[in-house]
Amino acid sequence: MIDERTLGFADFRGNRQYVSLGNLSENPKADLFLIDCACRQRIKIWGTARVVEDDPALIERLRPESYAGTPEQAILFEIAAGDANCPQHIPQLIAAKDVAAVLAERDRRILVLEAELAGPRSLA
């Protein structure tokens, strides 16, 4: 978030077709769909977008820390309106690493319980 009404993100070199940038140069109206598949939530945001190429400090500020690519410019999105959607048609997707972690914990717990069952039992 840049401010209360502005989202910003770094823009990286893609397939060199410049479709998004070309579209923005003709019509700045844009929509964003922010989807959280794990929680089955979606937000639609309407507004206008613009490309910022001549602000290295802003571009660097918007660079994701964990991404090695070099951003070429920034996109600033001025929010006009937004709405949350019904989750009915959003598939629940969970990252494989999260599933693996839960399964590993389950397997660890099974081993502990099996060891307890195999150990000596007291008769009370």
N, C-alpha and C. Protein backbone atom coordinates (compact mmCIF):
# COMPACT_ATOMS: atom_id res chain seq x y z
N MET A 1 0.85 -1.17 0.00
CA MET A 1 0.00 0.00 0.00
C MET A 1 0.90 1.24 0.00
N ILE A 2 0.58 2.12 -0.89
CA ILE A 2 1.30 3.39 -0.95
C ILE A 2 0.62 4.39 -0.01
N ASP A 3 -0.70 4.43 -0.09
CA ASP A 3 -1.51 5.23 0.83
C ASP A 3 -2.88 4.57 0.90
N GLU A 4 -3.86 5.25 1.51
CA GLU A 4 -5.18 4.64 1.72
C GLU A 4 -5.88 4.21 0.44
N ARG A 5 -5.58 4.85 -0.67
CA ARG A 5 -6.29 4.57 -1.92
C ARG A 5 -5.39 4.08 -3.04
N THR A 6 -4.12 3.80 -2.74
CA THR A 6 -3.19 3.43 -3.80
C THR A 6 -2.42 2.16 -3.47
N LEU A 7 -2.50 1.20 -4.38
CA LEU A 7 -1.68 0.00 -4.32
C LEU A 7 -0.53 0.17 -5.30
N GLY A 8 0.60 -0.41 -4.99
CA GLY A 8 1.72 -0.35 -5.92
C GLY A 8 2.42 -1.69 -5.98
N PHE A 9 2.96 -2.01 -7.14
CA PHE A 9 3.76 -3.23 -7.26
C PHE A 9 4.82 -3.03 -8.33
N ALA A 10 5.91 -3.75 -8.15
CA ALA A 10 7.00 -3.71 -9.12
C ALA A 10 6.59 -4.51 -10.35
N ASP A 11 6.99 -4.04 -11.51
CA ASP A 11 6.69 -4.72 -12.76
C ASP A 11 8.00 -5.25 -13.34
N PHE A 12 8.01 -6.54 -13.66
CA PHE A 12 9.21 -7.21 -14.15
C PHE A 12 9.07 -7.55 -15.63
N ARG A 13 10.19 -7.68 -16.29
CA ARG A 13 10.18 -8.07 -17.70
C ARG A 13 9.47 -9.41 -17.82
N GLY A 14 8.58 -9.50 -18.77
CA GLY A 14 7.82 -10.73 -18.97
C GLY A 14 8.12 -11.34 -20.32
N ASN A 15 7.07 -11.50 -21.11
CA ASN A 15 7.23 -12.15 -22.41
C ASN A 15 7.51 -11.15 -23.53
N ARG A 16 7.79 -9.92 -23.17
CA ARG A 16 8.16 -8.85 -24.11
C ARG A 16 7.04 -8.50 -25.09
N GLN A 17 5.82 -8.84 -24.74
CA GLN A 17 4.70 -8.45 -25.59
C GLN A 17 4.13 -7.11 -25.15
N TYR A 18 4.39 -6.71 -23.92
CA TYR A 18 3.94 -5.42 -23.38
C TYR A 18 2.43 -5.23 -23.50
N VAL A 19 1.69 -6.32 -23.38
CA VAL A 19 0.24 -6.25 -23.53
C VAL A 19 -0.37 -5.38 -22.43
N SER A 20 -0.02 -5.64 -21.18
CA SER A 20 -0.59 -4.86 -20.08
C SER A 20 -0.22 -3.39 -20.19
N LEU A 21 1.06 -3.12 -20.44
CA LEU A 21 1.50 -1.73 -20.53
C LEU A 21 0.86 -1.04 -21.73
N GLY A 22 0.73 -1.76 -22.82
CA GLY A 22 0.07 -1.19 -23.99
C GLY A 22 -1.38 -0.88 -23.70
N ASN A 23 -2.05 -1.78 -23.00
CA ASN A 23 -3.44 -1.55 -22.64
C ASN A 23 -3.57 -0.33 -21.73
N LEU A 24 -2.68 -0.21 -20.75
CA LEU A 24 -2.75 0.93 -19.83
C LEU A 24 -2.48 2.25 -20.54
N SER A 25 -1.65 2.23 -21.56
CA SER A 25 -1.37 3.48 -22.28
C SER A 25 -2.60 3.96 -23.05
N GLU A 26 -3.48 3.03 -23.41
CA GLU A 26 -4.71 3.38 -24.13
C GLU A 26 -5.88 3.65 -23.20
N ASN A 27 -5.93 2.90 -22.09
CA ASN A 27 -7.08 3.00 -21.18
C ASN A 27 -6.59 2.67 -19.77
N PRO A 28 -6.55 3.63 -18.88
CA PRO A 28 -6.01 3.37 -17.54
C PRO A 28 -6.96 2.62 -16.60
N LYS A 29 -8.20 2.39 -17.03
CA LYS A 29 -9.13 1.66 -16.17
C LYS A 29 -8.66 0.23 -16.01
N ALA A 30 -8.70 -0.25 -14.77
CA ALA A 30 -8.21 -1.60 -14.50
C ALA A 30 -8.99 -2.21 -13.34
N ASP A 31 -8.99 -3.52 -13.30
CA ASP A 31 -9.61 -4.27 -12.21
C ASP A 31 -8.58 -5.25 -11.67
N LEU A 32 -8.61 -5.45 -10.37
CA LEU A 32 -7.76 -6.46 -9.75
C LEU A 32 -8.65 -7.47 -9.05
N PHE A 33 -8.31 -8.73 -9.20
CA PHE A 33 -8.97 -9.80 -8.46
C PHE A 33 -7.91 -10.38 -7.53
N LEU A 34 -8.11 -10.22 -6.24
CA LEU A 34 -7.18 -10.74 -5.24
C LEU A 34 -7.82 -11.98 -4.64
N ILE A 35 -7.19 -13.13 -4.88
CA ILE A 35 -7.81 -14.41 -4.52
C ILE A 35 -6.92 -15.15 -3.53
N ASP A 36 -7.53 -15.57 -2.44
CA ASP A 36 -6.88 -16.41 -1.44
C ASP A 36 -7.57 -17.77 -1.54
N CYS A 37 -6.96 -18.67 -2.32
CA CYS A 37 -7.60 -19.97 -2.56
C CYS A 37 -7.63 -20.84 -1.32
N ALA A 38 -6.64 -20.72 -0.44
CA ALA A 38 -6.63 -21.55 0.77
C ALA A 38 -7.83 -21.22 1.66
N CYS A 39 -8.17 -19.94 1.73
CA CYS A 39 -9.30 -19.51 2.58
C CYS A 39 -10.58 -19.29 1.79
N ARG A 40 -10.52 -19.50 0.47
CA ARG A 40 -11.67 -19.33 -0.42
C ARG A 40 -12.28 -17.93 -0.28
N GLN A 41 -11.43 -16.92 -0.44
CA GLN A 41 -11.89 -15.54 -0.39
C GLN A 41 -11.38 -14.80 -1.62
N ARG A 42 -12.21 -13.86 -2.10
CA ARG A 42 -11.84 -13.08 -3.28
C ARG A 42 -12.32 -11.65 -3.08
N ILE A 43 -11.47 -10.72 -3.46
CA ILE A 43 -11.83 -9.30 -3.43
C ILE A 43 -11.63 -8.75 -4.84
N LYS A 44 -12.61 -8.01 -5.32
CA LYS A 44 -12.49 -7.31 -6.60
C LYS A 44 -12.25 -5.84 -6.29
N ILE A 45 -11.30 -5.26 -7.01
CA ILE A 45 -10.99 -3.84 -6.83
C ILE A 45 -11.02 -3.17 -8.20
N TRP A 46 -11.74 -2.07 -8.30
CA TRP A 46 -11.82 -1.30 -9.53
C TRP A 46 -11.04 -0.01 -9.34
N GLY A 47 -10.42 0.47 -10.42
CA GLY A 47 -9.70 1.73 -10.33
C GLY A 47 -8.99 2.07 -11.62
N THR A 48 -7.94 2.87 -11.48
CA THR A 48 -7.11 3.24 -12.62
C THR A 48 -5.66 2.92 -12.28
N ALA A 49 -4.92 2.57 -13.30
CA ALA A 49 -3.52 2.20 -13.10
C ALA A 49 -2.64 3.06 -13.98
N ARG A 50 -1.42 3.27 -13.51
CA ARG A 50 -0.44 4.00 -14.31
C ARG A 50 0.94 3.41 -14.09
N VAL A 51 1.76 3.56 -15.09
CA VAL A 51 3.13 3.05 -15.05
C VAL A 51 4.04 4.17 -14.58
N VAL A 52 4.95 3.84 -13.66
CA VAL A 52 5.95 4.80 -13.18
C VAL A 52 7.32 4.22 -13.53
N GLU A 53 8.03 4.91 -14.42
CA GLU A 53 9.34 4.41 -14.87
C GLU A 53 10.50 5.22 -14.31
N ASP A 54 10.25 6.43 -13.87
CA ASP A 54 11.33 7.36 -13.53
C ASP A 54 11.45 7.64 -12.03
N ASP A 55 11.16 6.63 -11.21
CA ASP A 55 11.26 6.80 -9.76
C ASP A 55 11.97 5.57 -9.17
N PRO A 56 13.30 5.53 -9.26
CA PRO A 56 14.04 4.35 -8.78
C PRO A 56 13.78 4.01 -7.32
N ALA A 57 13.58 5.01 -6.48
CA ALA A 57 13.33 4.74 -5.06
C ALA A 57 11.99 4.02 -4.87
N LEU A 58 10.97 4.44 -5.59
CA LEU A 58 9.67 3.77 -5.51
C LEU A 58 9.77 2.35 -6.04
N ILE A 59 10.42 2.19 -7.18
CA ILE A 59 10.55 0.86 -7.78
C ILE A 59 11.28 -0.08 -6.82
N GLU A 60 12.33 0.40 -6.20
CA GLU A 60 13.08 -0.43 -5.24
C GLU A 60 12.23 -0.74 -4.01
N ARG A 61 11.46 0.23 -3.56
CA ARG A 61 10.58 0.01 -2.39
C ARG A 61 9.56 -1.09 -2.66
N LEU A 62 9.12 -1.20 -3.90
CA LEU A 62 8.09 -2.18 -4.26
C LEU A 62 8.66 -3.53 -4.66
N ARG A 63 9.97 -3.65 -4.74
CA ARG A 63 10.60 -4.91 -5.13
C ARG A 63 10.38 -5.96 -4.03
N PRO A 64 9.86 -7.14 -4.39
CA PRO A 64 9.73 -8.21 -3.39
C PRO A 64 11.11 -8.67 -2.92
N GLU A 65 11.27 -8.83 -1.63
CA GLU A 65 12.57 -9.21 -1.07
C GLU A 65 13.04 -10.57 -1.55
N SER A 66 12.12 -11.49 -1.74
CA SER A 66 12.51 -12.87 -2.05
C SER A 66 12.57 -13.17 -3.55
N TYR A 67 12.48 -12.15 -4.39
CA TYR A 67 12.49 -12.37 -5.83
C TYR A 67 13.77 -11.80 -6.42
N ALA A 68 14.46 -12.59 -7.23
CA ALA A 68 15.77 -12.19 -7.73
C ALA A 68 15.70 -11.28 -8.95
N GLY A 69 14.56 -11.20 -9.61
CA GLY A 69 14.45 -10.39 -10.82
C GLY A 69 14.61 -8.90 -10.54
N THR A 70 14.93 -8.17 -11.59
CA THR A 70 15.09 -6.72 -11.48
C THR A 70 13.85 -6.04 -12.05
N PRO A 71 13.16 -5.26 -11.23
CA PRO A 71 11.96 -4.59 -11.75
C PRO A 71 12.33 -3.52 -12.77
N GLU A 72 11.48 -3.39 -13.78
CA GLU A 72 11.70 -2.38 -14.81
C GLU A 72 10.97 -1.08 -14.51
N GLN A 73 9.83 -1.19 -13.86
CA GLN A 73 9.03 -0.03 -13.51
C GLN A 73 8.06 -0.43 -12.41
N ALA A 74 7.26 0.52 -11.99
CA ALA A 74 6.24 0.25 -10.98
C ALA A 74 4.87 0.50 -11.61
N ILE A 75 3.89 -0.18 -11.08
CA ILE A 75 2.50 0.07 -11.46
C ILE A 75 1.81 0.60 -10.20
N LEU A 76 1.18 1.74 -10.32
CA LEU A 76 0.39 2.30 -9.22
C LEU A 76 -1.08 2.19 -9.59
N PHE A 77 -1.85 1.68 -8.66
CA PHE A 77 -3.27 1.42 -8.89
C PHE A 77 -4.07 2.26 -7.90
N GLU A 78 -4.82 3.22 -8.43
CA GLU A 78 -5.67 4.09 -7.60
C GLU A 78 -7.02 3.41 -7.44
N ILE A 79 -7.39 3.11 -6.21
CA ILE A 79 -8.62 2.37 -5.93
C ILE A 79 -9.83 3.29 -6.01
N ALA A 80 -10.82 2.89 -6.80
CA ALA A 80 -12.08 3.62 -6.89
C ALA A 80 -13.17 2.92 -6.08
N ALA A 81 -13.18 1.59 -6.11
CA ALA A 81 -14.19 0.81 -5.40
C ALA A 81 -13.70 -0.62 -5.24
N GLY A 82 -14.34 -1.33 -4.34
CA GLY A 82 -13.99 -2.73 -4.13
C GLY A 82 -15.17 -3.49 -3.56
N ASP A 83 -15.10 -4.81 -3.67
CA ASP A 83 -16.19 -5.65 -3.19
C ASP A 83 -15.65 -7.05 -2.93
N ALA A 84 -16.18 -7.69 -1.89
CA ALA A 84 -15.84 -9.08 -1.61
C ALA A 84 -16.84 -9.98 -2.33
N ASN A 85 -16.36 -11.10 -2.83
CA ASN A 85 -17.20 -12.04 -3.55
C ASN A 85 -17.62 -13.21 -2.69
N CYS A 86 -18.67 -13.85 -3.12
CA CYS A 86 -19.11 -15.12 -2.54
C CYS A 86 -18.06 -16.18 -2.88
N PRO A 87 -17.71 -17.04 -1.93
CA PRO A 87 -16.67 -18.05 -2.19
C PRO A 87 -17.16 -19.29 -2.94
N GLN A 88 -18.41 -19.30 -3.37
CA GLN A 88 -19.01 -20.50 -3.93
C GLN A 88 -18.17 -21.15 -5.04
N HIS A 89 -17.62 -20.37 -5.94
CA HIS A 89 -16.91 -20.95 -7.08
C HIS A 89 -15.39 -20.81 -6.98
N ILE A 90 -14.89 -20.60 -5.78
CA ILE A 90 -13.44 -20.52 -5.58
C ILE A 90 -12.97 -21.88 -5.06
N PRO A 91 -12.16 -22.59 -5.84
CA PRO A 91 -11.68 -23.88 -5.35
C PRO A 91 -10.71 -23.67 -4.18
N GLN A 92 -10.78 -24.57 -3.22
CA GLN A 92 -9.84 -24.47 -2.10
C GLN A 92 -8.55 -25.16 -2.51
N LEU A 93 -7.50 -24.38 -2.63
CA LEU A 93 -6.19 -24.89 -2.99
C LEU A 93 -5.25 -24.65 -1.83
N ILE A 94 -4.50 -25.67 -1.48
CA ILE A 94 -3.56 -25.56 -0.37
C ILE A 94 -2.18 -25.92 -0.91
N ALA A 95 -1.20 -25.13 -0.57
CA ALA A 95 0.16 -25.35 -1.07
C ALA A 95 0.66 -26.74 -0.66
N ALA A 96 1.36 -27.40 -1.57
CA ALA A 96 1.87 -28.75 -1.32
C ALA A 96 2.76 -28.79 -0.09
N LYS A 97 3.57 -27.75 0.12
CA LYS A 97 4.46 -27.75 1.29
C LYS A 97 3.66 -27.69 2.59
N ASP A 98 2.52 -27.02 2.58
CA ASP A 98 1.68 -26.96 3.78
C ASP A 98 1.04 -28.32 4.04
N VAL A 99 0.59 -28.98 2.99
CA VAL A 99 0.02 -30.32 3.15
C VAL A 99 1.09 -31.28 3.64
N ALA A 100 2.29 -31.19 3.07
CA ALA A 100 3.39 -32.07 3.48
C ALA A 100 3.72 -31.88 4.96
N ALA A 101 3.70 -30.65 5.43
CA ALA A 101 4.00 -30.38 6.84
C ALA A 101 2.95 -31.01 7.75
N VAL A 102 1.69 -30.90 7.39
CA VAL A 102 0.62 -31.49 8.19
C VAL A 102 0.73 -33.01 8.19
N LEU A 103 1.02 -33.59 7.02
CA LEU A 103 1.15 -35.04 6.94
C LEU A 103 2.36 -35.53 7.73
N ALA A 104 3.45 -34.78 7.71
CA ALA A 104 4.63 -35.17 8.48
C ALA A 104 4.32 -35.15 9.98
N GLU A 105 3.59 -34.15 10.43
CA GLU A 105 3.20 -34.09 11.84
C GLU A 105 2.28 -35.25 12.19
N ARG A 106 1.35 -35.57 11.30
CA ARG A 106 0.47 -36.72 11.54
C ARG A 106 1.28 -38.01 11.65
N ASP A 107 2.23 -38.19 10.72
CA ASP A 107 3.05 -39.40 10.74
C ASP A 107 3.90 -39.48 12.01
N ARG A 108 4.42 -38.34 12.45
CA ARG A 108 5.20 -38.30 13.69
C ARG A 108 4.31 -38.71 14.87
N ARG A 109 3.11 -38.19 14.90
CA ARG A 109 2.18 -38.50 15.99
C ARG A 109 1.80 -39.99 15.98
N ILE A 110 1.61 -40.56 14.81
CA ILE A 110 1.31 -41.99 14.70
C ILE A 110 2.45 -42.82 15.28
N LEU A 111 3.69 -42.44 14.95
CA LEU A 111 4.85 -43.18 15.49
C LEU A 111 4.89 -43.12 17.01
N VAL A 112 4.61 -41.96 17.56
CA VAL A 112 4.58 -41.80 19.02
C VAL A 112 3.50 -42.69 19.63
N LEU A 113 2.32 -42.68 19.05
CA LEU A 113 1.22 -43.48 19.58
C LEU A 113 1.50 -44.98 19.43
N GLU A 114 2.08 -45.38 18.30
CA GLU A 114 2.41 -46.79 18.12
C GLU A 114 3.47 -47.24 19.13
N ALA A 115 4.43 -46.36 19.41
CA ALA A 115 5.46 -46.69 20.40
C ALA A 115 4.82 -46.84 21.79
N GLU A 116 3.88 -45.98 22.10
CA GLU A 116 3.19 -46.09 23.39
C GLU A 116 2.41 -47.40 23.48
N LEU A 117 1.76 -47.78 22.39
CA LEU A 117 0.98 -49.02 22.39
C LEU A 117 1.89 -50.25 22.49
N ALA A 118 3.06 -50.18 21.89
CA ALA A 118 3.98 -51.32 21.90
C ALA A 118 4.73 -51.45 23.22
N GLY A 119 4.76 -50.41 24.01
CA GLY A 119 5.49 -50.42 25.27
C GLY A 119 4.76 -51.22 26.34
N PRO A 120 5.42 -51.35 27.48
CA PRO A 120 4.79 -52.10 28.58
C PRO A 120 3.52 -51.39 29.05
N ARG A 121 2.56 -52.22 29.41
CA ARG A 121 1.29 -51.67 29.88
C ARG A 121 1.11 -52.04 31.35
N SER A 122 0.57 -51.12 32.05
CA SER A 122 0.27 -51.43 33.46
C SER A 122 -1.19 -51.81 33.56
N LEU A 123 -1.45 -52.76 34.38
CA LEU A 123 -2.83 -53.17 34.61
C LEU A 123 -3.33 -52.48 35.86
N ALA A 124 -4.34 -51.75 35.72
CA ALA A 124 -4.86 -51.03 36.88
C ALA A 124 -6.20 -51.56 37.28
